[in-house]
Protein backbone atom coordinates (compact mmCIF):
# COMPACT_ATOMS: atom_id res chain seq x y z
CA MET A 1 21.87 11.16 10.04
CA LYS A 2 24.62 8.67 9.15
CA ALA A 3 24.03 5.58 7.00
CA CYS A 4 24.04 3.16 9.96
CA GLY A 5 21.59 5.39 11.82
CA ARG A 6 19.32 5.47 8.77
CA GLU A 7 19.32 1.66 8.61
CA LEU A 8 18.24 1.45 12.24
CA TRP A 9 15.65 4.21 11.78
CA PHE A 10 14.04 2.65 8.71
CA THR A 11 14.16 -0.82 10.22
CA GLY A 12 12.30 0.52 13.26
CA LEU A 13 9.67 2.14 11.03
CA PHE A 14 9.26 -1.09 9.09
CA LEU A 15 8.84 -3.19 12.24
CA TYR A 16 6.31 -0.71 13.64
CA ALA A 17 4.26 -0.82 10.44
CA VAL A 18 4.33 -4.62 10.46
CA PHE A 19 3.53 -5.25 14.13
CA SER A 20 1.47 -2.26 15.31
CA GLY A 21 -1.64 -3.89 13.85
CA ALA A 22 -0.98 -7.04 15.87
CA ILE A 23 -0.73 -4.96 19.05
CA ARG A 24 -4.02 -3.21 18.29
CA LYS A 25 -6.02 -6.34 17.45
CA TRP A 26 -4.64 -8.88 19.93
CA TRP A 27 -4.24 -6.71 23.04
CA GLU A 28 -6.86 -4.62 24.78
CA PHE A 29 -5.96 -0.95 25.21
CA PRO A 30 -7.95 2.18 26.10
CA ASP A 31 -9.28 4.07 23.10
CA LEU A 32 -6.72 6.83 23.62
CA VAL A 33 -3.80 4.40 23.27
CA ASP A 34 -5.40 2.80 20.24
CA HIS A 35 -5.82 6.21 18.58
CA MET A 36 -2.20 7.06 19.36
CA LEU A 37 -0.96 3.84 17.74
CA LEU A 38 -3.08 4.53 14.67
CA GLY A 39 -1.96 8.17 14.59
CA ALA A 40 1.68 7.08 14.52
CA GLN A 41 0.83 4.92 11.51
CA VAL A 42 -0.50 8.02 9.72
CA LEU A 43 2.81 9.78 10.43
CA LEU A 44 5.09 7.01 9.12
CA PRO A 45 5.59 8.59 5.65
CA TRP A 46 6.64 11.82 7.38
CA PHE A 47 9.03 9.81 9.58
CA ILE A 48 10.60 8.40 6.41
CA ALA A 49 11.37 11.97 5.33
CA LEU A 50 12.89 12.71 8.76
CA GLY A 51 15.22 9.74 8.28
CA PHE A 52 16.99 11.61 5.47
CA LEU A 53 17.90 14.68 7.52
CA PRO A 54 19.75 16.88 6.79
CA TRP A 55 17.94 17.45 3.49
CA LYS A 56 19.82 18.90 0.54
CA LEU A 57 17.29 21.46 -0.62
CA ALA A 58 17.47 22.57 -4.25
CA LEU A 59 15.21 23.38 -7.21
CA SER A 60 13.88 19.80 -7.25
CA TRP A 61 12.03 20.58 -3.99
CA VAL A 62 10.08 23.53 -5.43
CA PRO A 63 7.16 21.43 -6.82
CA LEU A 64 6.79 19.70 -3.44
CA LEU A 65 6.78 23.00 -1.56
CA LEU A 66 4.13 24.40 -3.92
CA TYR A 67 2.04 21.26 -3.41
CA LEU A 68 2.33 21.55 0.38
CA ALA A 69 1.37 25.23 0.19
CA LEU A 70 -1.79 24.23 -1.69
CA LEU A 71 -2.58 21.60 0.93
CA LEU A 72 -2.09 24.12 3.73
CA SER A 73 -4.43 26.56 2.01
CA LEU A 74 -7.09 23.88 1.61
CA ALA A 75 -6.64 22.81 5.25
CA LEU A 76 -7.09 26.39 6.49
CA PHE A 77 -10.13 26.69 4.23
CA SER A 78 -12.05 24.26 6.39
CA GLY A 79 -15.07 23.99 4.05
CA THR A 80 -17.92 22.18 5.75
CA CYS A 81 -15.55 20.40 8.16
CA GLY A 82 -13.37 21.74 10.95
CA TYR A 83 -9.67 22.45 11.35
CA GLY A 84 -9.16 19.08 13.02
CA HIS A 85 -10.23 17.37 9.81
CA GLY A 86 -7.98 19.77 7.90
CA LEU A 87 -4.95 18.80 9.97
CA PHE A 88 -5.54 15.10 9.32
CA GLY A 89 -6.13 15.87 5.65
CA PHE A 90 -2.83 17.77 5.39
CA LEU A 91 -0.95 14.84 6.94
CA LEU A 92 -2.69 12.26 4.75
CA HIS A 93 -2.41 14.09 1.44
CA GLY A 94 1.11 15.33 2.06
CA GLY A 95 2.86 12.37 3.71
CA PHE A 96 3.24 10.15 0.66
CA TRP A 97 4.79 12.88 -1.48
CA VAL A 98 7.03 14.29 1.24
CA GLY A 99 8.43 10.82 1.95
CA LEU A 100 8.80 9.96 -1.74
CA TRP A 101 10.54 13.26 -2.52
CA ALA A 102 13.01 12.81 0.33
CA PHE A 103 13.67 9.24 -0.83
CA HIS A 104 14.00 10.41 -4.42
CA CYS A 105 16.48 13.22 -3.73
CA HIS A 106 18.65 11.20 -1.32
CA ARG A 107 18.27 7.76 -2.84
CA GLN A 108 22.00 6.99 -3.00
CA GLU A 109 22.57 7.68 0.69
CA VAL A 110 20.80 4.56 1.98
CA THR A 111 22.20 1.09 2.53
CA TRP A 112 20.05 -1.95 3.30
CA ARG A 113 22.53 -4.73 4.18
CA HIS A 114 20.93 -5.69 7.48
CA PHE A 115 17.42 -4.66 6.58
CA HIS A 116 17.01 -7.25 3.80
CA TRP A 117 17.71 -10.11 6.19
CA ILE A 118 15.26 -8.71 8.74
CA SER A 119 12.56 -8.33 6.08
CA LEU A 120 13.14 -11.94 4.99
CA LEU A 121 12.71 -13.19 8.57
CA VAL A 122 9.50 -11.17 8.87
CA LEU A 123 8.23 -12.70 5.62
CA VAL A 124 8.85 -16.21 6.97
CA LEU A 125 6.95 -15.27 10.15
CA GLU A 126 4.06 -13.80 8.15
CA THR A 127 3.90 -16.94 5.99
CA CYS A 128 3.73 -19.28 8.99
CA LEU A 129 1.17 -17.09 10.76
CA SER A 130 -0.96 -16.77 7.62
CA LEU A 131 -1.07 -20.54 7.08
CA TRP A 132 -2.21 -20.87 10.72
CA GLN A 133 -4.87 -18.17 10.21
CA TYR A 134 -6.15 -19.78 7.02
CA ASN A 135 -6.58 -23.11 8.80
CA SER A 136 -8.19 -21.53 11.90
CA LEU A 137 -11.84 -20.68 12.43
CA PRO A 138 -12.75 -17.40 10.70
CA THR A 139 -14.22 -16.11 13.97
CA GLY A 140 -11.21 -17.24 16.02
CA PHE A 141 -8.81 -15.06 17.96
CA TRP A 142 -6.06 -15.04 15.32
CA ASN A 143 -8.38 -13.72 12.60
CA ARG A 144 -9.87 -10.80 14.51
CA TYR A 145 -9.65 -7.19 13.27
CA ALA A 146 -8.42 -4.21 15.29
CA ASN A 147 -11.74 -2.38 14.95
CA PRO A 148 -14.46 -4.88 13.96
CA GLY A 149 -17.19 -2.32 14.65
CA ALA A 150 -15.88 -0.07 11.88
CA ILE A 151 -14.59 -2.70 9.44
CA GLY A 152 -17.36 -5.27 9.81
CA ASP A 153 -17.40 -9.07 9.70
CA ILE A 154 -14.34 -11.14 8.85
CA ALA A 155 -13.85 -11.27 5.06
CA LEU A 156 -14.00 -14.80 3.70
CA LEU A 157 -12.32 -16.73 0.90
CA GLY A 158 -14.64 -19.67 0.44
CA GLU A 159 -15.17 -21.01 3.96
CA ARG A 160 -11.90 -19.66 5.34
CA ALA A 161 -10.85 -16.21 6.54
CA ARG A 162 -8.92 -13.98 4.19
CA VAL A 163 -5.67 -13.76 6.12
CA THR A 164 -4.28 -10.54 7.56
CA GLY A 165 -0.98 -11.72 9.07
CA THR A 166 0.03 -9.32 11.84
CA PHE A 167 -1.93 -6.47 10.24
CA SER A 168 -5.19 -5.04 11.51
CA TYR A 169 -7.21 -5.68 8.33
CA VAL A 170 -6.99 -7.32 4.90
CA SER A 171 -5.77 -4.41 2.77
CA GLY A 172 -3.01 -3.58 5.26
CA PHE A 173 -1.53 -7.03 4.70
CA GLY A 174 -1.95 -6.55 0.96
CA ALA A 175 0.08 -3.33 1.09
CA TYR A 176 2.89 -5.23 2.80
CA LEU A 177 2.85 -7.90 0.09
CA LEU A 178 3.17 -5.25 -2.63
CA PHE A 179 6.13 -3.75 -0.78
CA MET A 180 7.88 -7.13 -0.66
CA GLY A 181 7.19 -7.48 -4.38
CA PHE A 182 8.94 -4.15 -4.98
CA GLN A 183 11.85 -5.32 -2.84
CA THR A 184 12.22 -8.51 -4.90
CA TRP A 185 12.23 -6.45 -8.08
CA ALA A 186 14.84 -4.02 -6.68
CA ARG A 187 17.10 -6.81 -5.45
CA ARG A 188 16.98 -8.63 -8.81
CA LYS A 189 17.68 -5.38 -10.65
CA GLU A 190 20.61 -4.52 -8.40
CA GLY A 191 22.01 -8.02 -8.86
CA LYS A 192 23.26 -8.37 -5.27
CA GLY A 193 20.62 -10.71 -3.89
CA SER A 194 20.74 -14.48 -3.57
CA LEU A 195 18.82 -16.22 -6.35
CA VAL A 196 17.55 -18.86 -3.92
CA MET A 197 16.42 -16.20 -1.44
CA ASP A 198 14.67 -14.14 -4.12
CA ALA A 199 12.95 -17.19 -5.61
CA GLY A 200 11.79 -18.31 -2.17
CA GLN A 201 10.53 -14.80 -1.47
CA GLY A 202 8.59 -14.89 -4.74
CA LEU A 203 6.98 -18.21 -3.82
CA CYS A 204 5.93 -16.92 -0.39
CA LEU A 205 4.42 -13.79 -1.95
CA LEU A 206 2.39 -15.83 -4.43
CA LEU A 207 1.09 -18.05 -1.64
CA LEU A 208 0.26 -15.13 0.67
CA SER A 209 -1.48 -13.24 -2.16
CA LEU A 210 -3.80 -16.20 -2.62
CA LEU A 211 -4.46 -16.49 1.11
CA ASN A 212 -5.12 -12.74 1.31
CA GLY A 213 -7.89 -13.22 -1.26
CA SER A 214 -7.54 -9.82 -2.98
CA ARG A 215 -7.66 -9.93 -6.77
CA ALA A 216 -5.90 -6.56 -7.03
CA ILE A 217 -3.09 -7.66 -4.72
CA LEU A 218 -2.64 -10.95 -6.58
CA PHE A 219 -2.44 -9.07 -9.88
CA GLY A 220 -0.01 -6.53 -8.40
CA VAL A 221 2.28 -9.19 -6.94
CA ILE A 222 2.34 -11.14 -10.22
CA LEU A 223 3.15 -7.90 -12.07
CA LEU A 224 6.02 -7.08 -9.67
CA LEU A 225 7.44 -10.59 -9.76
CA GLY A 226 7.25 -10.49 -13.54
CA ALA A 227 9.30 -7.28 -13.48
CA ALA A 228 11.76 -8.99 -11.11
CA ALA A 229 12.05 -11.96 -13.45
CA LEU A 230 13.00 -9.66 -16.31
CA SER A 231 15.64 -7.86 -14.22
CA GLY A 232 19.12 -8.74 -13.07
CA ARG A 233 21.00 -11.99 -13.27
CA GLY A 234 19.62 -15.49 -13.75
CA LYS A 235 16.48 -14.36 -15.58
CA GLY A 236 15.61 -17.78 -16.96
CA ILE A 237 16.29 -19.57 -13.66
CA PHE A 238 14.14 -17.11 -11.70
CA TRP A 239 11.17 -17.93 -13.90
CA ILE A 240 11.26 -21.63 -12.95
CA PRO A 241 9.70 -21.39 -9.44
CA LEU A 242 7.16 -18.88 -10.71
CA MET A 243 6.08 -21.37 -13.39
CA ILE A 244 6.17 -24.39 -11.07
CA PHE A 245 4.14 -22.75 -8.32
CA PRO A 246 0.69 -22.87 -9.97
CA LEU A 247 1.30 -26.45 -11.13
CA PHE A 248 2.43 -27.50 -7.66
CA TRP A 249 -0.45 -25.79 -5.93
CA GLY A 250 -2.88 -27.14 -8.51
CA PHE A 251 -1.70 -30.64 -7.70
CA LEU A 252 -2.46 -30.03 -4.04
CA ALA A 253 -5.94 -28.92 -5.06
CA TYR A 254 -6.65 -32.21 -6.85
CA PRO A 255 -9.86 -33.69 -5.36
CA GLN A 256 -9.18 -36.31 -2.74
CA ASN A 257 -12.64 -37.02 -1.37
CA ALA A 258 -15.60 -37.81 -3.61
CA GLY A 259 -14.39 -35.46 -6.32
CA GLU A 260 -14.66 -32.36 -4.10
CA ILE A 261 -12.21 -29.49 -3.95
CA ARG A 262 -12.80 -27.62 -0.72
CA ASN A 263 -11.01 -25.07 1.40
CA HIS A 264 -8.13 -24.58 -0.97
CA PRO A 265 -6.95 -21.05 -1.79
CA VAL A 266 -6.45 -21.62 -5.53
CA TRP A 267 -9.92 -23.08 -5.91
CA ASP A 268 -11.49 -20.48 -3.63
CA MET A 269 -9.83 -17.61 -5.52
CA MET A 270 -10.94 -19.01 -8.88
CA LYS A 271 -14.46 -19.41 -7.53
CA ARG A 272 -14.45 -15.85 -6.19
CA ILE A 273 -13.30 -14.46 -9.52
CA GLN A 274 -15.92 -16.51 -11.38
CA VAL A 275 -18.80 -15.47 -9.10
CA ASN A 276 -17.83 -11.78 -9.20
CA GLN A 277 -17.42 -11.89 -12.96
CA GLU A 278 -20.84 -13.46 -13.46
CA SER A 279 -22.48 -10.93 -11.13
CA GLY A 280 -20.81 -8.00 -12.90
CA GLU A 281 -18.98 -6.93 -9.73
CA GLN A 282 -15.57 -7.49 -11.28
CA THR A 283 -16.37 -5.28 -14.28
CA ASP A 284 -17.75 -2.61 -11.96
CA ARG A 285 -14.61 -2.79 -9.82
CA LEU A 286 -12.47 -2.09 -12.88
CA ARG A 287 -14.49 0.81 -14.29
CA LEU A 288 -16.18 2.48 -11.30
CA PRO A 289 -13.09 4.33 -9.97
CA TRP A 290 -12.68 6.10 -13.31
CA GLN A 291 -16.41 6.53 -13.87
CA LYS A 292 -16.83 8.24 -10.49
CA ILE A 293 -14.02 10.67 -11.31
CA TRP A 294 -15.46 11.43 -14.74
CA HIS A 295 -18.98 12.09 -13.47
CA PHE A 296 -18.07 13.90 -10.26
CA ARG A 297 -19.47 17.42 -9.94
CA THR A 298 -18.26 19.83 -7.27
CA GLY A 299 -21.40 21.98 -7.47
CA LYS A 300 -21.20 24.89 -5.04
CA HIS A 301 -17.91 23.59 -3.64
CA PRO A 302 -15.23 23.94 -6.36
CA LEU A 303 -12.53 23.46 -3.69
CA GLY A 304 -14.26 20.42 -2.23
CA TYR A 305 -15.81 19.99 1.20
CA GLY A 306 -12.56 20.23 3.19
CA LEU A 307 -9.40 18.17 3.61
CA GLY A 308 -9.88 15.14 5.84
CA CYS A 309 -13.68 15.27 5.69
CA THR A 310 -13.95 11.69 4.36
CA TYR A 311 -11.31 10.22 6.67
CA GLN A 312 -12.87 7.74 9.08
CA GLY A 313 -10.46 8.47 11.94
CA ALA A 314 -11.15 12.21 11.85
CA ASN A 315 -14.90 11.62 11.63
CA GLU A 316 -14.80 9.33 14.68
CA VAL A 317 -13.10 12.06 16.72
CA TRP A 318 -14.80 15.22 15.42
CA GLY A 319 -17.91 13.88 13.72
CA LYS A 320 -19.02 13.76 10.10
CA ALA A 321 -20.38 16.84 8.33
CA PHE A 322 -23.95 16.58 7.06
CA GLU A 323 -22.98 17.38 3.47
CA ILE A 324 -20.53 14.46 3.52
CA ALA A 325 -22.97 12.08 5.21
CA ARG A 326 -25.45 12.53 2.37
CA PHE A 327 -22.96 10.95 -0.06
CA GLY A 328 -23.44 7.64 1.75
CA TYR A 329 -20.73 5.05 1.22
CA TYR A 330 -17.59 6.14 -0.62
CA GLU A 331 -14.38 4.17 -1.12
CA GLU A 332 -12.50 5.08 -4.27
CA GLU A 333 -9.39 7.26 -3.96
CA GLY A 334 -10.11 9.59 -6.89
CA GLU A 335 -13.67 10.23 -5.77
CA ARG A 336 -12.59 11.09 -2.23
CA ILE A 337 -9.81 13.40 -3.45
CA LEU A 338 -12.42 15.33 -5.45
CA MET A 339 -14.76 15.43 -2.46
CA GLU A 340 -12.05 16.87 -0.21
CA GLY A 341 -10.18 19.25 -2.53
CA GLY A 342 -12.00 19.40 -5.86
CA TRP A 343 -10.34 19.26 -9.26
CA VAL A 344 -7.60 21.61 -8.05
CA LEU A 345 -6.26 18.96 -5.66
CA LEU A 346 -6.60 16.09 -8.14
CA LEU A 347 -4.77 18.00 -10.88
CA ALA A 348 -2.06 18.97 -8.38
CA LYS A 349 -1.45 15.28 -7.69
CA VAL A 350 -1.28 14.56 -11.42
CA GLY A 351 1.26 17.38 -11.67
CA MET A 352 3.39 15.73 -8.98
CA VAL A 353 3.37 12.47 -10.95
CA ILE A 354 4.52 14.35 -14.07
CA VAL A 355 7.37 16.01 -12.16
CA PHE A 356 8.41 12.65 -10.68
CA LEU A 357 8.34 11.14 -14.15
CA GLN A 358 10.57 13.89 -15.57
CA THR A 359 13.12 13.93 -12.74
CA GLY A 360 13.03 10.26 -11.73
CA THR A 361 15.00 7.25 -12.87
CA LEU A 362 12.20 4.73 -13.37
CA PRO A 363 11.15 4.12 -16.99
CA ALA A 364 8.30 6.43 -18.04
CA GLY A 365 5.95 3.53 -18.83
CA VAL A 366 6.53 2.06 -15.37
CA VAL A 367 5.76 5.39 -13.67
CA VAL A 368 2.52 5.87 -15.62
CA LEU A 369 1.41 2.29 -14.92
CA LEU A 370 2.27 2.45 -11.21
CA PHE A 371 0.49 5.72 -10.52
CA GLY A 372 -2.45 4.81 -12.75
CA LEU A 373 -2.97 1.62 -10.74
CA GLN A 374 -2.44 3.57 -7.53
CA LEU A 375 -5.13 6.14 -8.30
CA GLY A 376 -7.66 3.51 -9.29
CA TYR A 377 -6.98 0.51 -7.10
CA PHE A 378 -4.24 1.03 -4.48
CA PRO A 379 -5.09 4.21 -2.51
CA VAL A 380 -2.19 5.98 -0.78
CA VAL A 381 -4.13 8.86 0.80
CA PHE A 382 -6.81 6.96 2.67
CA ASN A 383 -4.94 3.70 3.29
CA THR A 384 -2.12 4.41 5.74
CA TYR A 385 -0.40 1.08 5.06
CA ASN A 386 -0.30 1.75 1.31
CA ALA A 387 1.02 5.26 1.96
CA PHE A 388 3.99 3.80 3.83
CA PHE A 389 4.72 0.59 1.94
CA LEU A 390 4.12 1.77 -1.64
CA LEU A 391 6.14 4.94 -0.99
CA TRP A 392 9.05 2.83 0.25
CA GLY A 393 8.70 0.25 -2.52
CA ILE A 394 8.62 2.83 -5.31
CA GLY A 395 11.47 4.79 -3.71
CA GLU A 396 13.68 1.72 -3.28
CA THR A 397 13.09 0.57 -6.87
CA ALA A 398 13.82 4.07 -8.19
CA ARG A 399 17.03 4.07 -6.12
CA VAL A 400 18.25 0.89 -7.79
CA TYR A 401 17.39 2.18 -11.26
CA GLY A 402 19.27 5.36 -10.42
CA LEU A 403 22.54 3.65 -9.47
CA LYS A 404 23.95 4.43 -12.92
CA HIS A 405 22.75 8.02 -12.83
CA ARG A 406 23.72 10.97 -10.70
CA ALA A 407 21.01 11.85 -8.21
CA PRO A 408 19.45 15.19 -9.25
CA ASP A 409 20.39 18.08 -6.98
CA ALA A 410 21.72 15.66 -4.39
């Protein structure tokens, strides 16, 4: 596929990821169509890999092929679930790494001249829509979810809805914000972006992170914008809007009526953090992902209970196995990896990170931090938006860092 064709292909994938949620939540379709739209979302990381055809296979692909062979073995060993679950599990566990490997080994073959302008226009649209959603009734049409029966009531930030933009739920929008943070970092590092554009993008991301109401996303965006501020040209100038933003927004939050501060995202986020800290929820959120990994016991199932057995979409179609149902509610990525493939699968993923660290261009500390945060707080296996956006964000940033190095085996 030629460079121009790749631009069009990746732009199409990006627009599908951004707007498919809007189609699912604001238009009524039969269940079959809805499942097909969601299924295409699961396949997006694999479509990224297809965009780099023809692949230049070499020794750098051996770890990926071994990892995929392990996944195939676990999928065929259905455990307590069926082969349908195994197929979904193979796609979910393999997509992120297949896409990242293709990006990694062909990183210098992509150009993004037109894409960056399109992504900026989309960000402006998401900002306008999110401000409208934040100032609309939480139960209104614009704030609905694609599958309220499965996700539950609208998440709130104070008295307002936590905004989702065009996405079908809160964390999907958060994944998009992290991706745009990666893009800002890559553009500043490459030194080809407009300072005004990048600063405006940073301001929009800070605002949208507050409206989204996720503490993890707000932390991630601040971390990525900090990396952007330390990269490329105009470092000192780029810091100015990032420093002014909290002061400016704090001024808007100044009490106007009888000393009250109401329905303001800065205040609501601070209140949320304070309440969760006092209740102990915030401490639990930080430690529980690692605690659940440490204390997990496979028992009679050293290879787990079967790939895909914890995935909601597969369970809706083929049902949930009894041995999985008895676990009750489960959310954390590490815990679910152990449930599906045991310690063998978790260690295989750690091995992939080590290989990426040794053959990649990102600084080692950055790789360890990114994948540590990913395993604990930004799932890429069981969150299809994260699988697509974080893969692309990490791949694009690694591409920019690799501009001064020859791509391995490519």
